[in-house]
Amino acid sequence: MNPVALLVCSCSVASALLVSPLQGQRVASGPRMSAPCESRRAVLAGAFAAVLPLAASAATVKQSKDELVAEQKVVQDLDKAINVERSQSRSDATTLSALNDKYLEALSKGKKKEAKDIQAQIKTLEAKVEVEDTDLKTLMATEAKEVQKEKSLFAKFKEAKAAELAQLNRAQIDAEEVALKEVVGGDNVAVVGKYLK
């Protein structure tokens, strides 16, 4: 609930609580009713006083959300890099398998020079696959850390959101209590308040 909605809600609550006797009727002794102008001023003052801490709370929620979104972007980028590495690794494994078959075929036909060239290609490709596997493991470890960080930031965001909601609820209750004090008077708040809880 944003601060403007809180202010409108408080004003409408204050207007609903106002009761004034009809002209020509005697006012019975009982709870003192104040003038509508006074209670609206009190509601507005209470609402503005309540809005100030809410702005800080909204900034905290926005900051938490921005941090969470940035971390989600980091995890997405790592995930894309991992997928590229896995794809390259699969492609190289397929090529390596084909080269091994060619190497065995060259040996069986007695083509030693061709087999030696293929063996050099195999060794180069095996070294490349080993580097790719190391890179993939590093990326996966980094992603696991970033996912933990993302979970932590998500929990922080949820806490900030819950705190903001609690502050909004407290501000609304405070504004309603200020309006109630103005409408029924300070002495009668406790009597009327027990019926509202």
Protein backbone atom coordinates (compact mmCIF):
# COMPACT_ATOMS: atom_id res chain seq x y z
CA MET A 1 0.00 0.00 0.00
CA ASN A 2 1.55 3.29 -0.98
CA PRO A 3 1.54 6.40 1.23
CA VAL A 4 -1.08 8.22 -0.86
CA ALA A 5 -3.51 5.33 -0.53
CA LEU A 6 -2.85 5.30 3.20
CA LEU A 7 -3.66 9.00 3.40
CA VAL A 8 -6.90 8.62 1.43
CA CYS A 9 -7.92 5.63 3.53
CA SER A 10 -7.21 7.52 6.75
CA CYS A 11 -9.24 10.52 5.62
CA SER A 12 -12.19 8.35 4.65
CA VAL A 13 -12.02 6.55 8.00
CA ALA A 14 -11.99 9.89 9.79
CA SER A 15 -14.98 11.09 7.79
CA ALA A 16 -16.87 7.89 8.54
CA LEU A 17 -16.21 8.26 12.27
CA LEU A 18 -17.53 11.80 12.46
CA VAL A 19 -20.99 12.13 13.93
CA SER A 20 -22.63 15.45 14.54
CA PRO A 21 -26.03 16.05 16.13
CA LEU A 22 -28.86 17.48 14.08
CA GLN A 23 -29.77 21.11 14.66
CA GLY A 24 -32.30 21.61 17.38
CA GLN A 25 -31.47 18.36 19.17
CA ARG A 26 -29.87 18.26 22.54
CA VAL A 27 -26.51 16.66 22.81
CA ALA A 28 -26.55 13.86 25.34
CA SER A 29 -23.72 13.53 27.75
CA GLY A 30 -21.31 10.84 26.61
CA PRO A 31 -18.35 10.66 24.33
CA ARG A 32 -17.30 14.10 23.17
CA MET A 33 -17.30 14.52 19.39
CA SER A 34 -14.91 17.04 17.89
CA ALA A 35 -15.40 19.22 14.88
CA PRO A 36 -14.75 17.55 11.51
CA CYS A 37 -12.02 20.03 10.69
CA GLU A 38 -9.99 19.12 13.77
CA SER A 39 -10.13 15.39 13.20
CA ARG A 40 -9.17 15.69 9.55
CA ARG A 41 -6.18 17.82 10.51
CA ALA A 42 -5.18 15.19 13.05
CA VAL A 43 -5.54 12.41 10.50
CA LEU A 44 -3.47 14.32 7.97
CA ALA A 45 -0.80 15.07 10.57
CA GLY A 46 -0.73 11.43 11.64
CA ALA A 47 -0.62 10.23 8.04
CA PHE A 48 2.26 12.53 7.12
CA ALA A 49 4.14 11.49 10.25
CA ALA A 50 3.57 7.86 9.27
CA VAL A 51 4.72 8.39 5.67
CA LEU A 52 8.21 9.56 6.63
CA PRO A 53 9.49 6.18 7.91
CA LEU A 54 7.69 4.44 5.04
CA ALA A 55 9.87 6.25 2.50
CA ALA A 56 12.97 4.76 4.13
CA SER A 57 11.34 1.34 4.13
CA ALA A 58 10.47 1.65 0.43
CA ALA A 59 14.09 2.57 -0.32
CA THR A 60 15.29 -0.54 1.52
CA VAL A 61 12.87 -2.75 -0.44
CA LYS A 62 13.95 -1.16 -3.73
CA GLN A 63 17.63 -1.63 -2.88
CA SER A 64 17.02 -5.28 -1.92
CA LYS A 65 15.11 -5.88 -5.14
CA ASP A 66 17.83 -4.22 -7.25
CA GLU A 67 20.51 -6.39 -5.61
CA LEU A 68 18.40 -9.50 -6.21
CA VAL A 69 17.82 -8.65 -9.88
CA ALA A 70 21.54 -7.99 -10.40
CA GLU A 71 22.41 -11.32 -8.80
CA GLN A 72 19.82 -13.14 -10.93
CA LYS A 73 21.49 -11.62 -14.02
CA VAL A 74 24.89 -12.91 -12.85
CA VAL A 75 23.44 -16.41 -12.38
CA GLN A 76 21.78 -16.28 -15.82
CA ASP A 77 25.06 -15.27 -17.47
CA LEU A 78 26.92 -18.07 -15.69
CA ASP A 79 24.23 -20.53 -16.75
CA LYS A 80 24.63 -19.44 -20.39
CA ALA A 81 28.42 -19.81 -20.16
CA ILE A 82 28.02 -23.29 -18.66
CA ASN A 83 25.67 -24.31 -21.46
CA VAL A 84 28.15 -23.07 -24.08
CA GLU A 85 30.99 -25.00 -22.40
CA ARG A 86 28.88 -28.16 -22.18
CA SER A 87 27.91 -27.87 -25.84
CA GLN A 88 31.55 -27.39 -26.86
CA SER A 89 32.60 -30.30 -24.67
CA ARG A 90 30.01 -32.59 -26.27
CA SER A 91 31.09 -31.49 -29.74
CA ASP A 92 34.76 -32.12 -28.92
CA ALA A 93 33.92 -35.53 -27.41
CA THR A 94 32.14 -36.49 -30.63
CA THR A 95 35.09 -35.28 -32.72
CA LEU A 96 37.51 -37.16 -30.44
CA SER A 97 35.52 -40.35 -30.87
CA ALA A 98 35.58 -39.96 -34.66
CA LEU A 99 39.35 -39.29 -34.62
CA ASN A 100 39.92 -42.40 -32.49
CA ASP A 101 37.98 -44.46 -35.03
CA LYS A 102 40.06 -42.97 -37.89
CA TYR A 103 43.26 -43.64 -35.96
CA LEU A 104 42.37 -47.31 -35.42
CA GLU A 105 41.36 -47.64 -39.07
CA ALA A 106 44.66 -46.10 -40.23
CA LEU A 107 46.61 -48.47 -37.98
CA SER A 108 44.69 -51.50 -39.24
CA LYS A 109 45.45 -50.52 -42.85
CA GLY A 110 49.12 -49.96 -42.01
CA LYS A 111 49.15 -46.21 -42.74
CA LYS A 112 51.63 -45.16 -40.07
CA LYS A 113 52.16 -41.57 -41.24
CA GLU A 114 48.40 -40.87 -41.35
CA ALA A 115 47.99 -42.59 -37.95
CA LYS A 116 50.74 -40.38 -36.49
CA ASP A 117 49.02 -37.20 -37.78
CA ILE A 118 45.68 -38.36 -36.37
CA GLN A 119 47.36 -39.20 -33.05
CA ALA A 120 48.72 -35.61 -32.85
CA GLN A 121 45.22 -34.25 -33.52
CA ILE A 122 43.83 -36.54 -30.81
CA LYS A 123 46.41 -35.34 -28.25
CA THR A 124 45.67 -31.68 -29.08
CA LEU A 125 41.93 -32.26 -28.80
CA GLU A 126 42.32 -34.22 -25.52
CA ALA A 127 44.28 -31.29 -24.03
CA LYS A 128 41.55 -28.90 -25.19
CA VAL A 129 38.82 -31.12 -23.67
CA GLU A 130 40.74 -31.25 -20.39
CA VAL A 131 40.94 -27.44 -20.26
CA GLU A 132 37.24 -27.20 -21.11
CA ASP A 133 36.36 -29.66 -18.34
CA THR A 134 38.38 -27.62 -15.84
CA ASP A 135 36.65 -24.43 -17.00
CA LEU A 136 33.27 -26.12 -16.74
CA LYS A 137 33.96 -27.28 -13.17
CA THR A 138 35.10 -23.77 -12.23
CA LEU A 139 31.98 -22.22 -13.76
CA MET A 140 29.72 -24.71 -11.99
CA ALA A 141 31.40 -24.03 -8.63
CA THR A 142 31.06 -20.27 -9.19
CA GLU A 143 27.42 -20.70 -10.17
CA ALA A 144 26.72 -22.71 -7.00
CA LYS A 145 28.17 -19.87 -4.89
CA GLU A 146 26.17 -17.27 -6.81
CA VAL A 147 22.97 -19.29 -6.42
CA GLN A 148 23.53 -19.35 -2.66
CA LYS A 149 24.07 -15.59 -2.73
CA GLU A 150 20.88 -15.21 -4.79
CA LYS A 151 18.92 -17.24 -2.22
CA SER A 152 20.32 -15.08 0.56
CA LEU A 153 19.35 -11.89 -1.30
CA PHE A 154 15.88 -13.28 -1.95
CA ALA A 155 15.44 -13.94 1.77
CA LYS A 156 16.66 -10.39 2.50
CA PHE A 157 14.17 -9.02 -0.04
CA LYS A 158 11.32 -10.99 1.55
CA GLU A 159 12.30 -9.67 4.99
CA ALA A 160 12.39 -6.07 3.73
CA LYS A 161 9.02 -6.53 2.04
CA ALA A 162 7.51 -7.99 5.23
CA ALA A 163 8.99 -5.16 7.31
CA GLU A 164 7.54 -2.61 4.91
CA LEU A 165 4.12 -4.25 5.13
CA ALA A 166 4.32 -4.28 8.93
CA GLN A 167 5.25 -0.58 8.90
CA LEU A 168 2.35 0.21 6.58
CA ASN A 169 -0.04 -1.66 8.83
CA ARG A 170 1.35 0.08 11.93
CA ALA A 171 1.09 3.49 10.22
CA GLN A 172 -2.51 2.81 9.24
CA ILE A 173 -3.39 1.72 12.78
CA ASP A 174 -1.65 4.80 14.23
CA ALA A 175 -3.55 7.10 11.86
CA GLU A 176 -6.83 5.44 12.79
CA GLU A 177 -6.02 5.79 16.50
CA VAL A 178 -5.25 9.52 16.03
CA ALA A 179 -8.55 9.95 14.20
CA LEU A 180 -10.37 8.02 16.90
CA LYS A 181 -8.86 10.21 19.65
CA GLU A 182 -9.99 13.32 17.82
CA VAL A 183 -13.50 12.00 17.24
CA VAL A 184 -14.30 10.51 20.63
CA GLY A 185 -11.86 12.40 22.81
CA GLY A 186 -8.83 11.20 24.74
CA ASP A 187 -10.82 9.99 27.76
CA ASN A 188 -13.07 7.70 25.76
CA VAL A 189 -10.44 6.11 23.51
CA ALA A 190 -9.86 3.18 25.84
CA VAL A 191 -13.61 2.47 26.07
CA VAL A 192 -14.17 2.65 22.31
CA GLY A 193 -10.82 1.03 21.49
CA LYS A 194 -11.67 -2.27 23.14
CA TYR A 195 -14.56 -2.72 20.71
CA LEU A 196 -12.31 -2.12 17.70
CA LYS A 197 -9.66 -4.73 18.45
